[in-house]
Protein backbone atom coordinates (compact mmCIF):
# COMPACT_ATOMS: atom_id res chain seq x y z
CA MET A 1 94.51 12.39 83.79
CA GLY A 2 92.26 12.07 86.71
CA GLY A 3 90.87 14.79 89.01
CA ALA A 4 87.56 16.67 89.65
CA TYR A 5 86.66 19.64 87.92
CA VAL A 6 83.48 21.99 88.81
CA LEU A 7 81.56 23.16 85.81
CA THR A 8 80.45 26.99 85.64
CA ILE A 9 78.03 28.32 82.89
CA GLN A 10 78.30 31.72 82.20
CA ARG A 11 75.83 33.64 79.58
CA ILE A 12 78.68 34.93 77.87
CA SER A 13 78.43 32.54 75.01
CA HIS A 14 80.75 29.90 76.58
CA VAL A 15 81.21 26.97 79.21
CA VAL A 16 83.93 27.08 81.58
CA ALA A 17 85.28 24.13 83.68
CA ALA A 18 87.18 25.78 86.72
CA PRO A 19 89.34 24.08 89.25
CA SER A 20 88.00 23.46 92.52
CA ALA A 21 90.06 24.09 95.66
CA GLY A 22 93.20 21.72 95.65
CA ILE A 23 92.72 21.02 92.08
CA PRO A 24 95.90 22.17 89.78
CA ALA A 25 95.61 25.03 87.44
CA ASP A 26 96.68 23.06 84.65
CA ASN A 27 93.44 20.88 85.01
CA VAL A 28 91.05 23.83 83.65
CA VAL A 29 89.05 22.96 80.74
CA THR A 30 87.50 25.50 78.72
CA ALA A 31 85.06 24.94 75.77
CA ARG A 32 83.32 27.43 73.55
CA ILE A 33 79.54 26.72 72.65
CA ASP A 34 77.25 29.41 70.79
CA GLN A 35 74.77 30.43 73.57
CA ARG A 36 72.36 30.22 70.76
CA ALA A 37 73.04 26.07 70.21
CA VAL A 38 72.63 25.93 74.27
CA ASP A 39 69.48 27.57 74.31
CA ALA A 40 67.73 25.69 71.56
CA LEU A 41 68.80 22.64 73.62
CA GLN A 42 67.08 23.61 76.83
CA ARG A 43 70.43 24.82 78.39
CA PRO A 44 72.44 22.92 79.29
CA LEU A 45 72.42 19.03 78.30
CA LEU A 46 75.60 18.88 80.80
CA VAL A 47 73.18 17.56 83.40
CA ASN A 48 75.28 18.62 86.44
CA PRO A 49 73.87 21.45 88.01
CA VAL A 50 76.25 24.78 88.39
CA GLY A 51 78.73 24.38 91.28
CA SER A 52 78.58 20.40 90.98
CA THR A 53 81.72 18.56 90.18
CA VAL A 54 82.16 16.54 86.50
CA ARG A 55 85.00 14.94 84.60
CA ARG A 56 86.79 15.82 81.86
CA GLY A 57 85.27 12.89 79.70
CA GLU A 58 81.94 14.24 81.02
CA VAL A 59 82.38 17.61 79.86
CA VAL A 60 83.88 16.64 76.34
CA ALA A 61 80.56 13.87 75.79
CA ALA A 62 78.15 16.24 76.96
CA SER A 63 79.35 19.04 74.32
CA ALA A 64 79.69 16.60 71.65
CA SER A 65 76.22 15.38 72.45
CA ALA A 66 74.75 19.16 72.37
CA LEU A 67 76.47 19.76 69.30
CA ARG A 68 75.40 16.81 67.61
CA ARG A 69 71.69 17.73 68.33
CA TYR A 70 72.26 21.25 67.42
CA ILE A 71 73.43 20.08 64.01
CA GLU A 72 70.67 17.54 63.11
CA LYS A 73 68.00 20.07 64.26
CA LYS A 74 69.29 22.90 61.98
CA ILE A 75 69.41 20.24 58.78
CA LEU A 76 66.46 17.85 59.49
CA GLY A 77 64.28 20.23 61.53
CA PRO A 78 62.23 19.50 64.82
CA PRO A 79 63.06 15.76 66.01
CA TYR A 80 60.57 13.24 65.19
CA PRO A 81 57.67 13.17 68.11
CA THR A 82 57.61 10.53 70.68
CA GLY A 83 55.20 11.61 73.46
CA ALA A 84 51.61 12.33 73.10
CA ALA A 85 52.00 16.26 73.49
CA GLN A 86 55.10 16.36 71.32
CA ARG A 87 52.73 14.44 68.47
CA THR A 88 49.80 16.92 69.00
CA ALA A 89 52.02 19.89 68.58
CA ASP A 90 54.12 18.17 65.32
CA ILE A 91 50.63 17.61 63.91
CA ALA A 92 49.62 21.28 64.35
CA ARG A 93 53.16 22.61 62.93
CA ILE A 94 52.62 20.36 59.73
CA ARG A 95 49.21 21.47 59.15
CA ALA A 96 50.14 25.30 59.56
CA LYS A 97 53.14 24.69 57.20
CA LEU A 98 51.55 22.96 54.51
CA SER A 99 47.62 24.08 54.54
CA ARG A 100 47.76 26.42 51.47
CA ALA A 101 49.45 23.70 49.41
CA LEU A 102 47.09 21.17 50.51
CA ALA A 103 44.19 23.33 50.01
CA ALA A 104 45.35 23.95 46.50
CA LEU A 105 45.63 20.40 45.31
CA SER A 106 43.85 18.80 42.48
CA PRO A 107 40.82 16.39 43.12
CA SER A 108 43.07 13.59 41.64
CA LEU A 109 45.77 14.24 44.61
CA ARG A 110 43.19 14.90 47.49
CA GLY A 111 41.85 11.37 46.60
CA VAL A 112 45.47 9.93 47.18
CA LEU A 113 46.09 11.72 50.09
CA GLN A 114 42.44 10.58 51.26
CA GLN A 115 43.80 7.15 50.56
CA LEU A 116 46.81 7.47 52.76
CA ARG A 117 44.83 8.64 55.28
CA ALA A 118 42.32 5.99 54.99
CA LEU A 119 45.01 3.60 56.00
CA ARG A 120 44.98 5.08 59.25
CA VAL A 121 49.02 6.25 58.75
CA SER A 122 49.30 9.61 60.88
CA GLU A 123 49.97 12.90 59.43
CA ILE A 124 53.28 12.76 61.26
CA ASP A 125 54.75 9.77 59.26
CA ILE A 126 52.83 10.90 55.78
CA PHE A 127 54.50 14.24 55.54
CA ARG A 128 57.87 13.16 57.27
CA GLY A 129 58.27 10.63 54.65
CA SER A 130 58.09 7.73 56.70
CA HIS A 131 58.54 4.45 54.63
CA VAL A 132 55.06 2.57 54.96
CA ILE A 133 54.16 -1.04 53.49
CA VAL A 134 50.46 -1.68 52.84
CA GLY A 135 49.45 -5.57 52.94
CA ASP A 136 47.32 -4.93 49.60
CA ALA A 137 48.74 -7.31 46.82
CA GLY A 138 49.63 -4.12 45.13
CA LEU A 139 46.44 -2.87 44.79
CA HIS A 140 47.16 0.79 45.50
CA TYR A 141 50.24 0.64 43.48
CA ARG A 142 47.96 0.01 40.33
CA GLU A 143 45.53 2.68 41.38
CA TRP A 144 48.20 5.32 41.78
CA GLN A 145 49.93 4.58 38.45
CA ARG A 146 46.58 5.41 36.52
CA ARG A 147 46.52 9.11 38.39
CA GLY A 148 49.53 10.35 36.31
CA ALA A 149 52.47 8.90 37.77
CA ARG A 150 55.78 9.07 36.14
CA GLN A 151 58.31 6.19 36.07
CA ARG A 152 61.37 6.63 38.20
CA SER A 153 64.34 5.10 39.81
CA SER A 154 65.34 5.19 43.74
CA SER A 155 68.00 3.57 46.34
CA HIS A 156 64.95 1.90 47.54
CA TYR A 157 64.66 -1.95 46.71
CA ASP A 158 66.16 -3.47 43.54
CA LYS A 159 65.09 -3.68 40.04
CA ALA A 160 63.61 -7.17 40.64
CA THR A 161 60.75 -5.55 42.50
CA GLY A 162 59.45 -4.07 39.47
CA GLN A 163 59.07 -0.29 37.81
CA GLN A 164 58.68 2.74 40.59
CA TYR A 165 56.74 5.81 39.88
CA GLU A 166 56.29 9.33 41.33
CA LEU A 167 53.29 11.55 41.65
CA GLY A 168 53.85 14.78 42.11
CA PHE A 169 52.33 17.11 45.11
CA PRO A 170 53.05 20.86 43.88
CA GLY A 171 53.98 22.94 46.88
CA ILE A 172 54.57 19.87 49.00
CA GLY A 173 56.68 17.21 47.23
CA ALA A 174 56.53 13.77 45.41
CA LEU A 175 55.26 10.52 46.54
CA LEU A 176 57.25 7.99 45.68
CA PHE A 177 55.75 4.42 45.55
CA GLY A 178 56.42 0.69 44.28
CA ARG A 179 56.21 -2.81 45.09
CA ASP A 180 58.24 -4.81 47.76
CA GLN A 181 59.38 -8.22 47.50
CA ARG A 182 56.17 -9.94 48.27
CA GLY A 183 54.02 -7.58 45.90
CA ASN A 184 52.67 -5.32 48.18
CA THR A 185 52.52 -1.69 47.54
CA TRP A 186 55.27 0.85 49.27
CA PHE A 187 55.25 4.43 49.55
CA GLN A 188 56.97 7.48 51.03
CA LEU A 189 56.28 11.15 50.57
CA GLU A 190 59.59 12.84 49.71
CA ALA A 191 60.33 16.53 50.33
CA HIS A 192 61.46 16.90 46.39
CA SER A 193 60.53 15.54 43.02
CA LYS A 194 63.44 13.90 41.08
CA TYR A 195 62.47 16.01 38.14
CA GLY A 196 63.22 19.54 36.73
CA LEU A 197 64.42 22.16 38.98
CA ALA A 198 63.56 20.07 42.08
CA ALA A 199 66.26 17.72 41.37
CA VAL A 200 69.05 19.55 43.13
CA PRO A 201 67.47 19.73 46.54
CA HIS A 202 66.30 16.29 45.96
CA PHE A 203 69.70 15.39 45.47
CA CYS A 204 70.52 17.44 48.78
CA ASP A 205 68.07 15.48 50.48
CA PHE A 206 69.50 12.19 49.44
CA VAL A 207 72.85 13.25 51.17
CA LYS A 208 71.03 14.19 54.29
CA HIS A 209 69.59 10.84 54.07
CA LYS A 210 73.00 8.95 53.83
CA LEU A 211 74.65 11.23 56.44
CA PHE A 212 72.03 10.68 58.95
CA GLY A 213 71.93 6.94 59.11
CA ASN A 214 69.01 6.80 56.46
CA ARG A 215 66.76 8.94 57.97
CA GLN A 216 63.75 9.35 55.52
CA ILE A 217 63.43 13.16 54.48
CA GLY A 218 59.72 14.46 54.07
CA PRO A 219 57.97 17.82 53.36
CA ALA A 220 57.66 18.38 57.10
CA GLY A 221 60.77 16.93 58.35
CA ALA A 222 62.58 13.58 59.07
CA SER A 223 61.55 10.20 60.04
CA PRO A 224 63.66 7.08 61.55
CA TYR A 225 61.32 4.74 59.54
CA SER A 226 63.27 3.18 56.75
CA GLU A 227 63.23 -0.25 55.29
CA LYS A 228 66.97 0.26 54.85
CA ASN A 229 67.37 0.01 58.52
CA GLY A 230 65.09 -2.86 59.09
CA ARG A 231 62.26 -0.34 60.19
CA ALA A 232 59.43 0.17 58.19
CA LEU A 233 55.69 1.09 59.04
CA TRP A 234 53.25 -1.88 57.99
CA VAL A 235 49.81 -1.21 57.68
CA PRO A 236 47.20 -4.09 56.37
CA TYR A 237 44.50 -3.49 54.10
CA LEU A 238 40.93 -4.20 54.06
CA PRO A 239 38.28 -3.28 51.39
CA VAL A 240 35.40 -0.93 52.03
CA GLY A 241 32.81 -2.05 54.47
CA ALA A 242 35.15 -4.52 56.09
CA ALA A 243 36.54 -3.73 59.68
CA PRO A 244 38.91 -0.66 59.88
CA PRO A 245 42.59 -1.63 59.71
CA ALA A 246 44.99 -1.38 62.78
CA VAL A 247 46.92 1.62 63.15
CA ALA A 248 50.31 1.52 61.25
CA THR A 249 53.24 -0.28 63.31
CA ALA A 250 56.64 -0.44 62.77
CA THR A 251 57.85 -3.70 61.36
CA LYS A 252 61.18 -5.24 60.05
CA SER A 253 61.56 -5.27 56.29
CA ALA A 254 61.95 -8.67 54.65
């Protein structure tokens, strides 16, 4: 059914599409949206200003998009930042959220964290759990095994790539790491360990991971960088004293 509609936004927690002059009353479309959802999405996602005409499909599509983004934000937290201002704000948020836990880390775990930062992987990608591959021929893999890592399995890669391990970061999460098909170290900082009481929220994180298109679930939010989608962050590795490596870049997994 064709015809134009006038979108009117009322603050009493609903959106009403009211007929303009000459449009039959049975073309009225009413869609309820929680006002908090509208506010959270910088009201409104329906681009047309109040009083402009929109078609029925546009109202439905915009409402569905608003609902999807609202649900994602509630379940996954703030969206992955893209612009410079967003990234600066996200780093500040992460540091405020994890400052106490980071300060309480053992010297050994602080050393591991320093190694991650030395690879020039941003704090955003470290604490949002981005999947990172390091061109180091397994050097970090062997080093972290000696720091008290526990054997574990995961849905990343297959058994042919060798044993995977986890290093627990109290109050933060767990560093999962292994080797890829070329023998290079890969890692991701997960929101929860697979062991003990954390096993239940770890399973919930896995459900989120699958429901939202293999998004990585880290201690401070989600990341789109997963080798399962053919996207991973790759960083070169050079010994101490050599030229600094390039900033982590997205690459397709082999």
